[in-house]
Amino acid sequence: MVPLERALALAEENGLDLVEVSPNQNPPVCKLLDYGRFKFVQAKKAKEARRTQARNEQREVQLTPRIGEHDIEAKIKTVRGLLTDGAKVKVAVKFRGREITHPDLAVKVLRRVAEAVAAEAKLERPPMMEARSLSIILSPAGAQPVGAATGGTGEDAQN
């Protein structure tokens, strides 16, 4: 244990700072170090930790119940790209006007998308109604068969 005056004198001699490391100890623990360098190293470690941290990203692709053949193929391609980038994808079928009276058309569109990307994705959430849209959430790569979990029954779920 070094007295405070002696510790401050040592820090002054060496051109360093006296930094309190553990204030709750009895007596408090201090270190002689370059405080600017210490803060720089801490910031660098924090930045590296943020970079390696997994991002929880969710993207959305919107469709309509009466979508054309080529348009749905383009949307499926977009969904595949987002999944390979590691993002979760929310596929939503938006209803306009009286289309909402035919949710079965939206389920067919969602099933088609889910089956098309079955190799790259797993179904995280089955079709769910939210306001004027019906949506599913797909997450990258999994073991669960997508077609069986899209809300169909019997033969439709297996095809």
N, C-alpha and C. Protein backbone atom coordinates (compact mmCIF):
# COMPACT_ATOMS: atom_id res chain seq x y z
N MET A 1 0.84 -1.17 0.00
CA MET A 1 0.00 0.00 0.00
C MET A 1 0.89 1.24 0.00
N VAL A 2 0.60 2.12 -0.97
CA VAL A 2 1.38 3.34 -1.14
C VAL A 2 0.49 4.52 -0.76
N PRO A 3 1.00 5.47 0.02
CA PRO A 3 0.20 6.65 0.37
C PRO A 3 -0.17 7.45 -0.89
N LEU A 4 -1.27 8.16 -0.81
CA LEU A 4 -1.81 8.91 -1.94
C LEU A 4 -0.79 9.91 -2.50
N GLU A 5 -0.10 10.64 -1.61
CA GLU A 5 0.87 11.64 -2.06
C GLU A 5 2.00 10.99 -2.86
N ARG A 6 2.48 9.84 -2.37
CA ARG A 6 3.58 9.11 -3.04
C ARG A 6 3.10 8.60 -4.41
N ALA A 7 1.87 8.09 -4.49
CA ALA A 7 1.31 7.58 -5.75
C ALA A 7 1.17 8.71 -6.76
N LEU A 8 0.70 9.88 -6.31
CA LEU A 8 0.57 11.03 -7.22
C LEU A 8 1.94 11.49 -7.70
N ALA A 9 2.94 11.45 -6.81
CA ALA A 9 4.30 11.85 -7.20
C ALA A 9 4.87 10.88 -8.24
N LEU A 10 4.64 9.57 -8.05
CA LEU A 10 5.11 8.57 -9.02
C LEU A 10 4.45 8.78 -10.38
N ALA A 11 3.16 9.07 -10.38
CA ALA A 11 2.44 9.30 -11.63
C ALA A 11 3.00 10.52 -12.33
N GLU A 12 3.29 11.59 -11.57
CA GLU A 12 3.83 12.83 -12.14
C GLU A 12 5.21 12.58 -12.74
N GLU A 13 6.06 11.80 -12.04
CA GLU A 13 7.42 11.50 -12.51
C GLU A 13 7.39 10.77 -13.86
N ASN A 14 6.49 9.81 -13.99
CA ASN A 14 6.45 8.96 -15.19
C ASN A 14 5.56 9.53 -16.28
N GLY A 15 4.90 10.64 -16.03
CA GLY A 15 4.02 11.25 -17.04
C GLY A 15 2.75 10.43 -17.26
N LEU A 16 2.30 9.76 -16.22
CA LEU A 16 1.10 8.93 -16.29
C LEU A 16 0.01 9.52 -15.41
N ASP A 17 -1.14 8.84 -15.42
CA ASP A 17 -2.27 9.26 -14.59
C ASP A 17 -2.50 8.22 -13.51
N LEU A 18 -3.01 8.66 -12.37
CA LEU A 18 -3.38 7.76 -11.29
C LEU A 18 -4.88 7.51 -11.43
N VAL A 19 -5.24 6.26 -11.81
CA VAL A 19 -6.64 5.92 -12.10
C VAL A 19 -7.14 4.95 -11.05
N GLU A 20 -8.29 5.29 -10.44
CA GLU A 20 -8.91 4.44 -9.43
C GLU A 20 -9.63 3.29 -10.14
N VAL A 21 -9.18 2.07 -9.92
CA VAL A 21 -9.72 0.89 -10.60
C VAL A 21 -10.87 0.28 -9.81
N SER A 22 -10.71 0.14 -8.50
CA SER A 22 -11.72 -0.48 -7.65
C SER A 22 -12.01 0.43 -6.46
N PRO A 23 -12.99 1.31 -6.60
CA PRO A 23 -13.26 2.25 -5.50
C PRO A 23 -13.94 1.60 -4.29
N ASN A 24 -14.56 0.45 -4.47
CA ASN A 24 -15.30 -0.18 -3.38
C ASN A 24 -14.41 -1.02 -2.45
N GLN A 25 -13.17 -1.25 -2.81
CA GLN A 25 -12.25 -2.02 -1.97
C GLN A 25 -11.81 -1.17 -0.78
N ASN A 26 -11.30 -1.83 0.22
CA ASN A 26 -10.76 -1.11 1.38
C ASN A 26 -9.32 -1.53 1.58
N PRO A 27 -8.34 -0.79 1.27
CA PRO A 27 -8.31 0.56 0.68
C PRO A 27 -8.61 0.49 -0.83
N PRO A 28 -9.00 1.61 -1.45
CA PRO A 28 -9.28 1.64 -2.89
C PRO A 28 -8.04 1.28 -3.71
N VAL A 29 -8.27 0.59 -4.84
CA VAL A 29 -7.17 0.15 -5.69
C VAL A 29 -6.99 1.14 -6.84
N CYS A 30 -5.76 1.58 -7.06
CA CYS A 30 -5.45 2.54 -8.13
C CYS A 30 -4.34 1.98 -9.00
N LYS A 31 -4.25 2.48 -10.26
CA LYS A 31 -3.20 2.06 -11.19
C LYS A 31 -2.56 3.29 -11.80
N LEU A 32 -1.29 3.16 -12.16
CA LEU A 32 -0.60 4.20 -12.91
C LEU A 32 -0.69 3.83 -14.38
N LEU A 33 -1.36 4.66 -15.18
CA LEU A 33 -1.45 4.38 -16.62
C LEU A 33 -1.77 5.65 -17.38
N ASP A 34 -1.60 5.57 -18.69
CA ASP A 34 -1.94 6.70 -19.57
C ASP A 34 -3.44 6.64 -19.81
N TYR A 35 -4.18 7.56 -19.22
CA TYR A 35 -5.65 7.51 -19.26
C TYR A 35 -6.19 7.68 -20.67
N GLY A 36 -5.59 8.54 -21.48
CA GLY A 36 -6.03 8.73 -22.87
C GLY A 36 -5.91 7.43 -23.66
N ARG A 37 -4.78 6.75 -23.51
CA ARG A 37 -4.57 5.47 -24.19
C ARG A 37 -5.56 4.43 -23.68
N PHE A 38 -5.80 4.43 -22.37
CA PHE A 38 -6.75 3.50 -21.76
C PHE A 38 -8.14 3.67 -22.36
N LYS A 39 -8.61 4.92 -22.48
CA LYS A 39 -9.93 5.19 -23.06
C LYS A 39 -9.97 4.77 -24.53
N PHE A 40 -8.87 5.01 -25.27
CA PHE A 40 -8.79 4.62 -26.68
C PHE A 40 -8.93 3.11 -26.83
N VAL A 41 -8.23 2.35 -26.02
CA VAL A 41 -8.28 0.89 -26.09
C VAL A 41 -9.69 0.39 -25.73
N GLN A 42 -10.30 1.00 -24.71
CA GLN A 42 -11.66 0.61 -24.33
C GLN A 42 -12.65 0.86 -25.46
N ALA A 43 -12.54 2.02 -26.12
CA ALA A 43 -13.43 2.36 -27.24
C ALA A 43 -13.23 1.39 -28.40
N LYS A 44 -11.98 1.02 -28.64
CA LYS A 44 -11.68 0.08 -29.73
C LYS A 44 -12.28 -1.29 -29.45
N LYS A 45 -12.20 -1.76 -28.21
CA LYS A 45 -12.78 -3.04 -27.82
C LYS A 45 -14.30 -3.02 -27.97
N ALA A 46 -14.93 -1.90 -27.55
CA ALA A 46 -16.38 -1.78 -27.66
C ALA A 46 -16.82 -1.77 -29.11
N LYS A 47 -16.07 -1.10 -29.97
CA LYS A 47 -16.39 -1.06 -31.40
C LYS A 47 -16.28 -2.44 -32.02
N GLU A 48 -15.25 -3.18 -31.66
CA GLU A 48 -15.06 -4.54 -32.17
C GLU A 48 -16.19 -5.45 -31.70
N ALA A 49 -16.61 -5.29 -30.46
CA ALA A 49 -17.71 -6.11 -29.92
C ALA A 49 -19.00 -5.83 -30.68
N ARG A 50 -19.25 -4.56 -31.00
CA ARG A 50 -20.46 -4.21 -31.76
C ARG A 50 -20.40 -4.79 -33.17
N ARG A 51 -19.22 -4.80 -33.76
CA ARG A 51 -19.08 -5.30 -35.13
C ARG A 51 -19.36 -6.80 -35.21
N THR A 52 -18.90 -7.54 -34.23
CA THR A 52 -19.07 -8.99 -34.26
C THR A 52 -20.44 -9.42 -33.73
N GLN A 53 -21.17 -8.50 -33.13
CA GLN A 53 -22.49 -8.82 -32.58
C GLN A 53 -23.47 -9.11 -33.72
N ALA A 54 -24.28 -10.14 -33.54
CA ALA A 54 -25.25 -10.51 -34.57
C ALA A 54 -26.38 -9.48 -34.61
N ARG A 55 -26.71 -9.04 -35.80
CA ARG A 55 -27.81 -8.08 -35.94
C ARG A 55 -29.12 -8.83 -36.12
N ASN A 56 -30.12 -8.35 -35.48
CA ASN A 56 -31.43 -8.95 -35.57
C ASN A 56 -32.25 -8.11 -36.55
N GLU A 57 -32.10 -8.44 -37.82
CA GLU A 57 -32.68 -7.61 -38.86
C GLU A 57 -33.92 -8.29 -39.46
N GLN A 58 -34.97 -7.53 -39.64
CA GLN A 58 -36.17 -8.06 -40.29
C GLN A 58 -36.55 -7.14 -41.44
N ARG A 59 -36.72 -7.73 -42.61
CA ARG A 59 -37.11 -6.97 -43.79
C ARG A 59 -38.51 -7.40 -44.20
N GLU A 60 -39.18 -6.57 -45.01
CA GLU A 60 -40.55 -6.89 -45.41
C GLU A 60 -40.68 -6.84 -46.92
N VAL A 61 -41.41 -7.82 -47.45
CA VAL A 61 -41.75 -7.87 -48.87
C VAL A 61 -43.27 -7.88 -48.94
N GLN A 62 -43.83 -6.95 -49.73
CA GLN A 62 -45.29 -6.83 -49.82
C GLN A 62 -45.80 -7.37 -51.14
N LEU A 63 -46.92 -8.08 -51.06
CA LEU A 63 -47.58 -8.66 -52.23
C LEU A 63 -49.05 -8.28 -52.19
N THR A 64 -49.76 -8.63 -53.27
CA THR A 64 -51.22 -8.47 -53.29
C THR A 64 -51.83 -9.82 -53.63
N PRO A 65 -53.09 -10.04 -53.30
CA PRO A 65 -53.70 -11.35 -53.57
C PRO A 65 -53.79 -11.66 -55.08
N ARG A 66 -53.90 -10.64 -55.92
CA ARG A 66 -54.04 -10.87 -57.36
C ARG A 66 -52.73 -10.58 -58.10
N ILE A 67 -51.61 -10.98 -57.52
CA ILE A 67 -50.30 -10.71 -58.10
C ILE A 67 -50.09 -11.55 -59.36
N GLY A 68 -49.41 -10.97 -60.33
CA GLY A 68 -49.14 -11.67 -61.59
C GLY A 68 -48.04 -12.71 -61.44
N GLU A 69 -47.97 -13.61 -62.42
CA GLU A 69 -47.01 -14.72 -62.39
C GLU A 69 -45.56 -14.21 -62.33
N HIS A 70 -45.20 -13.32 -63.23
CA HIS A 70 -43.83 -12.82 -63.27
C HIS A 70 -43.52 -11.99 -62.03
N ASP A 71 -44.49 -11.24 -61.54
CA ASP A 71 -44.28 -10.40 -60.36
C ASP A 71 -43.99 -11.24 -59.12
N ILE A 72 -44.69 -12.36 -58.97
CA ILE A 72 -44.45 -13.20 -57.80
C ILE A 72 -43.07 -13.86 -57.90
N GLU A 73 -42.65 -14.20 -59.12
CA GLU A 73 -41.30 -14.77 -59.29
C GLU A 73 -40.24 -13.75 -58.89
N ALA A 74 -40.45 -12.49 -59.26
CA ALA A 74 -39.50 -11.43 -58.89
C ALA A 74 -39.46 -11.24 -57.38
N LYS A 75 -40.62 -11.30 -56.73
CA LYS A 75 -40.68 -11.15 -55.27
C LYS A 75 -40.01 -12.33 -54.57
N ILE A 76 -40.17 -13.52 -55.11
CA ILE A 76 -39.52 -14.71 -54.54
C ILE A 76 -38.01 -14.56 -54.63
N LYS A 77 -37.54 -14.02 -55.75
CA LYS A 77 -36.11 -13.79 -55.92
C LYS A 77 -35.60 -12.78 -54.89
N THR A 78 -36.40 -11.76 -54.62
CA THR A 78 -36.04 -10.76 -53.61
C THR A 78 -35.97 -11.40 -52.22
N VAL A 79 -36.95 -12.24 -51.91
CA VAL A 79 -36.98 -12.93 -50.61
C VAL A 79 -35.75 -13.81 -50.46
N ARG A 80 -35.39 -14.54 -51.51
CA ARG A 80 -34.19 -15.40 -51.46
C ARG A 80 -32.94 -14.58 -51.17
N GLY A 81 -32.83 -13.44 -51.84
CA GLY A 81 -31.67 -12.58 -51.63
C GLY A 81 -31.59 -12.08 -50.19
N LEU A 82 -32.70 -11.67 -49.63
CA LEU A 82 -32.72 -11.19 -48.25
C LEU A 82 -32.38 -12.31 -47.27
N LEU A 83 -32.87 -13.52 -47.54
CA LEU A 83 -32.58 -14.65 -46.65
C LEU A 83 -31.10 -15.02 -46.71
N THR A 84 -30.51 -14.99 -47.90
CA THR A 84 -29.08 -15.33 -47.99
C THR A 84 -28.22 -14.26 -47.32
N ASP A 85 -28.72 -13.03 -47.20
CA ASP A 85 -28.00 -11.99 -46.46
C ASP A 85 -28.14 -12.16 -44.96
N GLY A 86 -28.99 -13.09 -44.53
CA GLY A 86 -29.14 -13.39 -43.11
C GLY A 86 -30.28 -12.68 -42.42
N ALA A 87 -31.12 -11.98 -43.15
CA ALA A 87 -32.22 -11.24 -42.54
C ALA A 87 -33.47 -12.12 -42.45
N LYS A 88 -34.28 -11.86 -41.43
CA LYS A 88 -35.60 -12.47 -41.38
C LYS A 88 -36.46 -11.69 -42.36
N VAL A 89 -37.40 -12.38 -42.99
CA VAL A 89 -38.24 -11.72 -43.99
C VAL A 89 -39.70 -11.87 -43.62
N LYS A 90 -40.39 -10.75 -43.56
CA LYS A 90 -41.83 -10.75 -43.34
C LYS A 90 -42.47 -10.61 -44.72
N VAL A 91 -43.22 -11.62 -45.12
CA VAL A 91 -43.90 -11.60 -46.41
C VAL A 91 -45.36 -11.26 -46.10
N ALA A 92 -45.81 -10.10 -46.58
CA ALA A 92 -47.16 -9.62 -46.27
C ALA A 92 -47.97 -9.47 -47.55
N VAL A 93 -49.19 -9.97 -47.50
CA VAL A 93 -50.14 -9.78 -48.60
C VAL A 93 -51.11 -8.70 -48.16
N LYS A 94 -51.07 -7.55 -48.84
CA LYS A 94 -51.91 -6.41 -48.48
C LYS A 94 -53.23 -6.49 -49.24
N PHE A 95 -54.30 -6.28 -48.50
CA PHE A 95 -55.64 -6.29 -49.11
C PHE A 95 -56.06 -4.87 -49.42
N ARG A 96 -56.66 -4.69 -50.61
CA ARG A 96 -57.22 -3.39 -50.99
C ARG A 96 -58.70 -3.58 -51.26
N GLY A 97 -59.46 -2.66 -50.76
CA GLY A 97 -60.90 -2.72 -51.03
C GLY A 97 -61.54 -3.98 -50.51
N ARG A 98 -62.31 -4.64 -51.39
CA ARG A 98 -63.06 -5.83 -50.98
C ARG A 98 -62.27 -7.11 -51.11
N GLU A 99 -60.98 -7.01 -51.44
CA GLU A 99 -60.13 -8.21 -51.51
C GLU A 99 -60.08 -8.93 -50.16
N ILE A 100 -60.30 -8.20 -49.10
CA ILE A 100 -60.20 -8.77 -47.75
C ILE A 100 -61.25 -9.86 -47.51
N THR A 101 -62.27 -9.90 -48.33
CA THR A 101 -63.30 -10.95 -48.18
C THR A 101 -62.82 -12.30 -48.70
N HIS A 102 -61.63 -12.33 -49.34
CA HIS A 102 -61.09 -13.59 -49.88
C HIS A 102 -59.68 -13.85 -49.34
N PRO A 103 -59.56 -14.12 -48.05
CA PRO A 103 -58.22 -14.38 -47.49
C PRO A 103 -57.60 -15.67 -48.02
N ASP A 104 -58.43 -16.57 -48.57
CA ASP A 104 -57.91 -17.82 -49.13
C ASP A 104 -56.95 -17.55 -50.29
N LEU A 105 -57.18 -16.49 -51.07
CA LEU A 105 -56.27 -16.13 -52.16
C LEU A 105 -54.91 -15.71 -51.61
N ALA A 106 -54.93 -14.97 -50.50
CA ALA A 106 -53.68 -14.53 -49.87
C ALA A 106 -52.91 -15.72 -49.31
N VAL A 107 -53.62 -16.68 -48.73
CA VAL A 107 -52.96 -17.86 -48.18
C VAL A 107 -52.28 -18.65 -49.30
N LYS A 108 -52.92 -18.74 -50.46
CA LYS A 108 -52.31 -19.43 -51.61
C LYS A 108 -51.03 -18.74 -52.03
N VAL A 109 -51.04 -17.40 -52.07
CA VAL A 109 -49.85 -16.65 -52.47
C VAL A 109 -48.73 -16.87 -51.44
N LEU A 110 -49.06 -16.81 -50.16
CA LEU A 110 -48.06 -17.02 -49.11
C LEU A 110 -47.50 -18.44 -49.15
N ARG A 111 -48.38 -19.42 -49.39
CA ARG A 111 -47.93 -20.80 -49.48
C ARG A 111 -46.96 -20.97 -50.64
N ARG A 112 -47.27 -20.32 -51.76
CA ARG A 112 -46.40 -20.43 -52.94
C ARG A 112 -45.02 -19.86 -52.65
N VAL A 113 -44.97 -18.71 -51.98
CA VAL A 113 -43.68 -18.10 -51.63
C VAL A 113 -42.93 -19.00 -50.65
N ALA A 114 -43.62 -19.49 -49.63
CA ALA A 114 -42.98 -20.33 -48.61
C ALA A 114 -42.41 -21.61 -49.22
N GLU A 115 -43.16 -22.22 -50.14
CA GLU A 115 -42.68 -23.46 -50.76
C GLU A 115 -41.52 -23.18 -51.72
N ALA A 116 -41.53 -22.01 -52.35
CA ALA A 116 -40.45 -21.68 -53.29
C ALA A 116 -39.12 -21.48 -52.57
N VAL A 117 -39.16 -20.99 -51.34
CA VAL A 117 -37.92 -20.75 -50.59
C VAL A 117 -37.71 -21.76 -49.47
N ALA A 118 -38.38 -22.89 -49.55
CA ALA A 118 -38.31 -23.91 -48.49
C ALA A 118 -36.88 -24.39 -48.22
N ALA A 119 -36.02 -24.41 -49.24
CA ALA A 119 -34.66 -24.88 -49.05
C ALA A 119 -33.81 -23.88 -48.29
N GLU A 120 -34.12 -22.58 -48.42
CA GLU A 120 -33.30 -21.55 -47.79
C GLU A 120 -33.89 -21.03 -46.49
N ALA A 121 -35.15 -21.36 -46.19
CA ALA A 121 -35.80 -20.73 -45.05
C ALA A 121 -36.66 -21.70 -44.26
N LYS A 122 -36.94 -21.28 -43.02
CA LYS A 122 -37.92 -22.01 -42.23
C LYS A 122 -39.01 -21.02 -41.83
N LEU A 123 -40.19 -21.52 -41.67
CA LEU A 123 -41.32 -20.69 -41.29
C LEU A 123 -41.24 -20.40 -39.80
N GLU A 124 -41.09 -19.15 -39.45
CA GLU A 124 -41.00 -18.77 -38.05
C GLU A 124 -42.38 -18.47 -37.46
N ARG A 125 -43.25 -17.87 -38.28
CA ARG A 125 -44.60 -17.56 -37.81
C ARG A 125 -45.59 -17.88 -38.91
N PRO A 126 -46.62 -18.67 -38.62
CA PRO A 126 -47.62 -19.02 -39.63
C PRO A 126 -48.44 -17.79 -40.04
N PRO A 127 -49.28 -17.91 -41.07
CA PRO A 127 -50.06 -16.76 -41.53
C PRO A 127 -50.87 -16.14 -40.40
N MET A 128 -50.75 -14.82 -40.29
CA MET A 128 -51.43 -14.09 -39.24
C MET A 128 -52.00 -12.80 -39.81
N MET A 129 -53.24 -12.51 -39.45
CA MET A 129 -53.91 -11.31 -39.93
C MET A 129 -53.49 -10.11 -39.08
N GLU A 130 -53.04 -9.04 -39.72
CA GLU A 130 -52.68 -7.79 -39.04
C GLU A 130 -53.32 -6.65 -39.81
N ALA A 131 -54.32 -6.04 -39.25
CA ALA A 131 -55.06 -4.95 -39.91
C ALA A 131 -55.57 -5.44 -41.26
N ARG A 132 -55.11 -4.84 -42.37
CA ARG A 132 -55.57 -5.23 -43.70
C ARG A 132 -54.52 -6.04 -44.47
N SER A 133 -53.73 -6.84 -43.74
CA SER A 133 -52.74 -7.68 -44.40
C SER A 133 -52.63 -9.03 -43.69
N LEU A 134 -52.22 -10.02 -44.46
CA LEU A 134 -51.97 -11.36 -43.96
C LEU A 134 -50.49 -11.60 -44.16
N SER A 135 -49.77 -12.01 -43.12
CA SER A 135 -48.32 -12.13 -43.27
C SER A 135 -47.76 -13.36 -42.58
N ILE A 136 -46.56 -13.75 -43.06
CA ILE A 136 -45.77 -14.81 -42.45
C ILE A 136 -44.37 -14.25 -42.23
N ILE A 137 -43.62 -14.90 -41.35
CA ILE A 137 -42.22 -14.51 -41.15
C ILE A 137 -41.37 -15.72 -41.44
N LEU A 138 -40.37 -15.53 -42.32
CA LEU A 138 -39.43 -16.57 -42.68
C LEU A 138 -38.07 -16.20 -42.11
N SER A 139 -37.35 -17.19 -41.58
CA SER A 139 -36.00 -16.94 -41.10
C SER A 139 -35.04 -17.85 -41.87
N PRO A 140 -33.79 -17.44 -42.02
CA PRO A 140 -32.84 -18.19 -42.82
C PRO A 140 -32.61 -19.61 -42.32
N ALA A 141 -32.42 -20.53 -43.26
CA ALA A 141 -32.02 -21.92 -43.07
C ALA A 141 -32.54 -22.61 -41.81
N GLY A 142 -33.25 -23.69 -42.00
CA GLY A 142 -33.75 -24.46 -40.87
C GLY A 142 -34.14 -25.85 -41.28
N ALA A 143 -34.51 -26.66 -40.32
CA ALA A 143 -34.86 -28.05 -40.59
C ALA A 143 -36.36 -28.27 -40.74
N GLN A 144 -37.16 -27.31 -40.29
CA GLN A 144 -38.62 -27.47 -40.33
C GLN A 144 -39.13 -27.37 -41.77
N PRO A 145 -39.94 -28.33 -42.25
CA PRO A 145 -40.49 -28.22 -43.59
C PRO A 145 -41.50 -27.07 -43.67
N VAL A 146 -41.28 -26.15 -44.59
CA VAL A 146 -42.10 -24.94 -44.67
C VAL A 146 -43.50 -25.23 -45.14
N GLY A 147 -43.68 -26.07 -46.14
CA GLY A 147 -45.00 -26.32 -46.72
C GLY A 147 -46.00 -26.87 -45.72
N ALA A 148 -45.54 -27.67 -44.77
CA ALA A 148 -46.45 -28.29 -43.81
C ALA A 148 -46.95 -27.31 -42.77
N ALA A 149 -46.29 -26.19 -42.59
CA ALA A 149 -46.65 -25.28 -41.52
C ALA A 149 -47.31 -23.99 -41.99
N THR A 150 -47.72 -23.92 -43.26
CA THR A 150 -48.29 -22.67 -43.77
C THR A 150 -49.78 -22.56 -43.55
N GLY A 151 -50.32 -23.38 -42.71
CA GLY A 151 -51.72 -23.23 -42.35
C GLY A 151 -52.66 -24.12 -43.15
N GLY A 152 -52.15 -24.93 -44.05
CA GLY A 152 -53.00 -25.82 -44.84
C GLY A 152 -53.33 -27.08 -44.08
N THR A 153 -54.29 -27.84 -44.60
CA THR A 153 -54.64 -29.10 -43.97
C THR A 153 -54.62 -30.20 -45.02
N GLY A 154 -54.42 -31.39 -44.57
CA GLY A 154 -54.50 -32.55 -45.47
C GLY A 154 -53.47 -32.52 -46.57
N GLU A 155 -53.95 -32.78 -47.81
CA GLU A 155 -53.06 -32.88 -48.95
C GLU A 155 -52.43 -31.53 -49.31
N ASP A 156 -53.16 -30.42 -49.10
CA ASP A 156 -52.61 -29.12 -49.44
C ASP A 156 -51.34 -28.81 -48.66
N ALA A 157 -51.25 -29.25 -47.42
CA ALA A 157 -50.10 -28.96 -46.59
C ALA A 157 -48.88 -29.73 -47.06
N GLN A 158 -49.08 -30.89 -47.70
CA GLN A 158 -47.96 -31.70 -48.13
C GLN A 158 -47.52 -31.35 -49.54
N ASN A 159 -48.34 -30.69 -50.32
CA ASN A 159 -47.98 -30.36 -51.70
C ASN A 159 -47.47 -28.97 -51.81
